[in-house]
Amino acid sequence: MLHRHLNHQRYTLAAIDDVISRGRWQDWAELRRAVLSDRSLLDKVERVCRPYVADPYAQRHHFWMHYAEKHRSAT
């Protein structure tokens, strides 16, 4: 995914937030593959999603927060 305000393709906090907020299915699949190969990204995903937990309309962030929690408990 090309990030509108980033000049790299690494999964920084800003890049993860961008993928979650405006990414498409393929972008999410790439993030999932990255998380499965590097479990430390789960920390970043949770860190990005945590501020949105109180917002019932931030469904994309809720999805990824639950995903990170489930996969953390599975490891």
N, C-alpha and C. Protein backbone atom coordinates (compact mmCIF):
# COMPACT_ATOMS: atom_id res chain seq x y z
N MET A 1 0.85 -1.17 0.00
CA MET A 1 0.00 0.00 0.00
C MET A 1 0.89 1.23 0.00
N LEU A 2 0.59 2.16 -0.86
CA LEU A 2 1.29 3.43 -0.85
C LEU A 2 0.64 4.33 0.18
N HIS A 3 1.43 4.80 1.11
CA HIS A 3 0.92 5.65 2.17
C HIS A 3 0.97 7.10 1.74
N ARG A 4 -0.09 7.80 1.98
CA ARG A 4 -0.18 9.16 1.47
C ARG A 4 0.78 10.14 2.13
N HIS A 5 1.25 9.85 3.33
CA HIS A 5 2.13 10.79 4.01
C HIS A 5 3.43 10.16 4.48
N LEU A 6 3.73 8.96 4.00
CA LEU A 6 4.95 8.27 4.39
C LEU A 6 5.77 7.98 3.13
N ASN A 7 7.07 8.00 3.26
CA ASN A 7 7.92 7.73 2.10
C ASN A 7 8.66 6.40 2.23
N HIS A 8 8.07 5.45 2.92
CA HIS A 8 8.66 4.12 3.08
C HIS A 8 7.53 3.10 3.12
N GLN A 9 7.87 1.85 3.16
CA GLN A 9 6.86 0.79 3.18
C GLN A 9 7.00 -0.10 4.42
N ARG A 10 7.67 0.39 5.46
CA ARG A 10 7.81 -0.38 6.70
C ARG A 10 6.54 -0.25 7.54
N TYR A 11 6.34 -1.21 8.43
CA TYR A 11 5.16 -1.18 9.29
C TYR A 11 5.45 -0.40 10.57
N THR A 12 5.53 0.91 10.42
CA THR A 12 5.63 1.79 11.57
C THR A 12 4.23 1.98 12.14
N LEU A 13 4.11 2.66 13.26
CA LEU A 13 2.78 2.91 13.83
C LEU A 13 1.90 3.69 12.85
N ALA A 14 2.48 4.69 12.21
CA ALA A 14 1.71 5.48 11.25
C ALA A 14 1.27 4.64 10.06
N ALA A 15 2.14 3.77 9.58
CA ALA A 15 1.79 2.92 8.45
C ALA A 15 0.70 1.93 8.82
N ILE A 16 0.78 1.35 10.00
CA ILE A 16 -0.25 0.41 10.46
C ILE A 16 -1.58 1.13 10.59
N ASP A 17 -1.58 2.31 11.16
CA ASP A 17 -2.82 3.08 11.29
C ASP A 17 -3.40 3.39 9.91
N ASP A 18 -2.55 3.71 8.98
CA ASP A 18 -3.00 4.01 7.62
C ASP A 18 -3.62 2.78 6.96
N VAL A 19 -2.98 1.63 7.12
CA VAL A 19 -3.52 0.38 6.55
C VAL A 19 -4.87 0.06 7.17
N ILE A 20 -4.97 0.18 8.48
CA ILE A 20 -6.24 -0.13 9.15
C ILE A 20 -7.31 0.87 8.76
N SER A 21 -6.98 2.13 8.74
CA SER A 21 -7.97 3.18 8.49
C SER A 21 -8.48 3.22 7.06
N ARG A 22 -7.58 3.07 6.09
CA ARG A 22 -8.02 3.26 4.72
C ARG A 22 -7.58 2.16 3.76
N GLY A 23 -7.02 1.09 4.32
CA GLY A 23 -6.57 -0.01 3.48
C GLY A 23 -7.71 -0.83 2.93
N ARG A 24 -7.41 -1.55 1.88
CA ARG A 24 -8.37 -2.46 1.25
C ARG A 24 -8.03 -3.88 1.69
N TRP A 25 -8.82 -4.83 1.17
CA TRP A 25 -8.66 -6.23 1.56
C TRP A 25 -7.21 -6.69 1.38
N GLN A 26 -6.62 -6.40 0.23
CA GLN A 26 -5.25 -6.84 -0.05
C GLN A 26 -4.26 -6.22 0.94
N ASP A 27 -4.46 -4.99 1.32
CA ASP A 27 -3.59 -4.34 2.30
C ASP A 27 -3.69 -5.01 3.65
N TRP A 28 -4.92 -5.37 4.02
CA TRP A 28 -5.12 -6.07 5.29
C TRP A 28 -4.47 -7.44 5.25
N ALA A 29 -4.57 -8.12 4.12
CA ALA A 29 -3.95 -9.44 3.98
C ALA A 29 -2.43 -9.33 4.13
N GLU A 30 -1.85 -8.29 3.56
CA GLU A 30 -0.40 -8.07 3.69
C GLU A 30 -0.02 -7.80 5.14
N LEU A 31 -0.82 -6.99 5.84
CA LEU A 31 -0.55 -6.72 7.26
C LEU A 31 -0.66 -8.01 8.06
N ARG A 32 -1.65 -8.83 7.75
CA ARG A 32 -1.82 -10.11 8.46
C ARG A 32 -0.60 -11.01 8.24
N ARG A 33 -0.12 -11.09 7.00
CA ARG A 33 1.07 -11.90 6.72
C ARG A 33 2.28 -11.36 7.49
N ALA A 34 2.41 -10.06 7.54
CA ALA A 34 3.53 -9.45 8.27
C ALA A 34 3.44 -9.77 9.75
N VAL A 35 2.24 -9.70 10.32
CA VAL A 35 2.05 -10.02 11.75
C VAL A 35 2.36 -11.48 12.02
N LEU A 36 1.95 -12.36 11.13
CA LEU A 36 2.21 -13.78 11.33
C LEU A 36 3.70 -14.10 11.24
N SER A 37 4.45 -13.34 10.46
CA SER A 37 5.88 -13.60 10.36
C SER A 37 6.70 -12.83 11.40
N ASP A 38 6.13 -11.78 11.98
CA ASP A 38 6.83 -10.98 12.99
C ASP A 38 5.83 -10.63 14.10
N ARG A 39 5.80 -11.44 15.13
CA ARG A 39 4.83 -11.27 16.22
C ARG A 39 4.97 -9.95 16.97
N SER A 40 6.12 -9.30 16.86
CA SER A 40 6.29 -8.02 17.55
C SER A 40 5.36 -6.96 16.96
N LEU A 41 4.87 -7.17 15.76
CA LEU A 41 3.92 -6.23 15.17
C LEU A 41 2.58 -6.24 15.90
N LEU A 42 2.28 -7.31 16.64
CA LEU A 42 1.05 -7.34 17.44
C LEU A 42 1.04 -6.19 18.44
N ASP A 43 2.20 -5.90 19.03
CA ASP A 43 2.29 -4.78 19.98
C ASP A 43 1.94 -3.46 19.28
N LYS A 44 2.45 -3.29 18.08
CA LYS A 44 2.18 -2.06 17.34
C LYS A 44 0.71 -1.95 16.96
N VAL A 45 0.13 -3.06 16.52
CA VAL A 45 -1.29 -3.06 16.15
C VAL A 45 -2.13 -2.67 17.36
N GLU A 46 -1.86 -3.27 18.51
CA GLU A 46 -2.61 -2.94 19.72
C GLU A 46 -2.41 -1.48 20.11
N ARG A 47 -1.20 -1.00 19.98
CA ARG A 47 -0.90 0.40 20.34
C ARG A 47 -1.67 1.37 19.44
N VAL A 48 -1.76 1.04 18.17
CA VAL A 48 -2.51 1.88 17.22
C VAL A 48 -4.00 1.84 17.52
N CYS A 49 -4.51 0.67 17.85
CA CYS A 49 -5.96 0.49 18.03
C CYS A 49 -6.49 0.93 19.39
N ARG A 50 -5.65 0.91 20.40
CA ARG A 50 -6.10 1.21 21.77
C ARG A 50 -6.86 2.53 21.90
N PRO A 51 -6.42 3.62 21.28
CA PRO A 51 -7.17 4.89 21.43
C PRO A 51 -8.58 4.85 20.83
N TYR A 52 -8.85 3.90 19.98
CA TYR A 52 -10.15 3.82 19.31
C TYR A 52 -11.14 2.89 20.02
N VAL A 53 -10.73 2.25 21.08
CA VAL A 53 -11.57 1.26 21.76
C VAL A 53 -12.89 1.87 22.24
N ALA A 54 -12.88 3.11 22.66
CA ALA A 54 -14.10 3.75 23.17
C ALA A 54 -15.02 4.25 22.06
N ASP A 55 -14.55 4.23 20.83
CA ASP A 55 -15.34 4.73 19.71
C ASP A 55 -16.08 3.58 19.03
N PRO A 56 -17.39 3.48 19.21
CA PRO A 56 -18.12 2.35 18.63
C PRO A 56 -18.14 2.36 17.10
N TYR A 57 -17.81 3.48 16.48
CA TYR A 57 -17.82 3.57 15.03
C TYR A 57 -16.47 3.22 14.39
N ALA A 58 -15.46 3.01 15.20
CA ALA A 58 -14.13 2.66 14.69
C ALA A 58 -14.03 1.15 14.54
N GLN A 59 -14.90 0.59 13.73
CA GLN A 59 -15.01 -0.86 13.62
C GLN A 59 -13.76 -1.52 13.06
N ARG A 60 -13.06 -0.85 12.17
CA ARG A 60 -11.83 -1.42 11.62
C ARG A 60 -10.79 -1.59 12.73
N HIS A 61 -10.68 -0.58 13.58
CA HIS A 61 -9.72 -0.67 14.68
C HIS A 61 -10.17 -1.71 15.71
N HIS A 62 -11.46 -1.83 15.94
CA HIS A 62 -11.95 -2.87 16.86
C HIS A 62 -11.60 -4.26 16.32
N PHE A 63 -11.80 -4.45 15.02
CA PHE A 63 -11.47 -5.74 14.40
C PHE A 63 -10.01 -6.09 14.65
N TRP A 64 -9.12 -5.14 14.35
CA TRP A 64 -7.69 -5.42 14.48
C TRP A 64 -7.26 -5.56 15.94
N MET A 65 -7.92 -4.86 16.85
CA MET A 65 -7.61 -5.02 18.27
C MET A 65 -7.96 -6.44 18.70
N HIS A 66 -9.13 -6.91 18.30
CA HIS A 66 -9.54 -8.28 18.64
C HIS A 66 -8.60 -9.30 17.98
N TYR A 67 -8.22 -9.03 16.74
CA TYR A 67 -7.29 -9.92 16.04
C TYR A 67 -5.98 -10.04 16.82
N ALA A 68 -5.43 -8.90 17.23
CA ALA A 68 -4.16 -8.90 17.98
C ALA A 68 -4.31 -9.62 19.32
N GLU A 69 -5.41 -9.37 20.02
CA GLU A 69 -5.63 -10.04 21.30
C GLU A 69 -5.74 -11.55 21.13
N LYS A 70 -6.47 -12.00 20.14
CA LYS A 70 -6.64 -13.43 19.89
C LYS A 70 -5.32 -14.08 19.54
N HIS A 71 -4.55 -13.44 18.68
CA HIS A 71 -3.28 -14.04 18.26
C HIS A 71 -2.21 -13.96 19.34
N ARG A 72 -2.33 -12.99 20.21
CA ARG A 72 -1.38 -12.93 21.34
C ARG A 72 -1.67 -14.08 22.30
N SER A 73 -2.95 -14.37 22.54
CA SER A 73 -3.29 -15.46 23.45
C SER A 73 -3.00 -16.83 22.84
N ALA A 74 -2.91 -16.90 21.51
CA ALA A 74 -2.62 -18.15 20.83
C ALA A 74 -1.13 -18.48 20.83
N THR A 75 -0.29 -17.48 21.13
CA THR A 75 1.16 -17.72 21.09
C THR A 75 1.70 -18.08 22.44
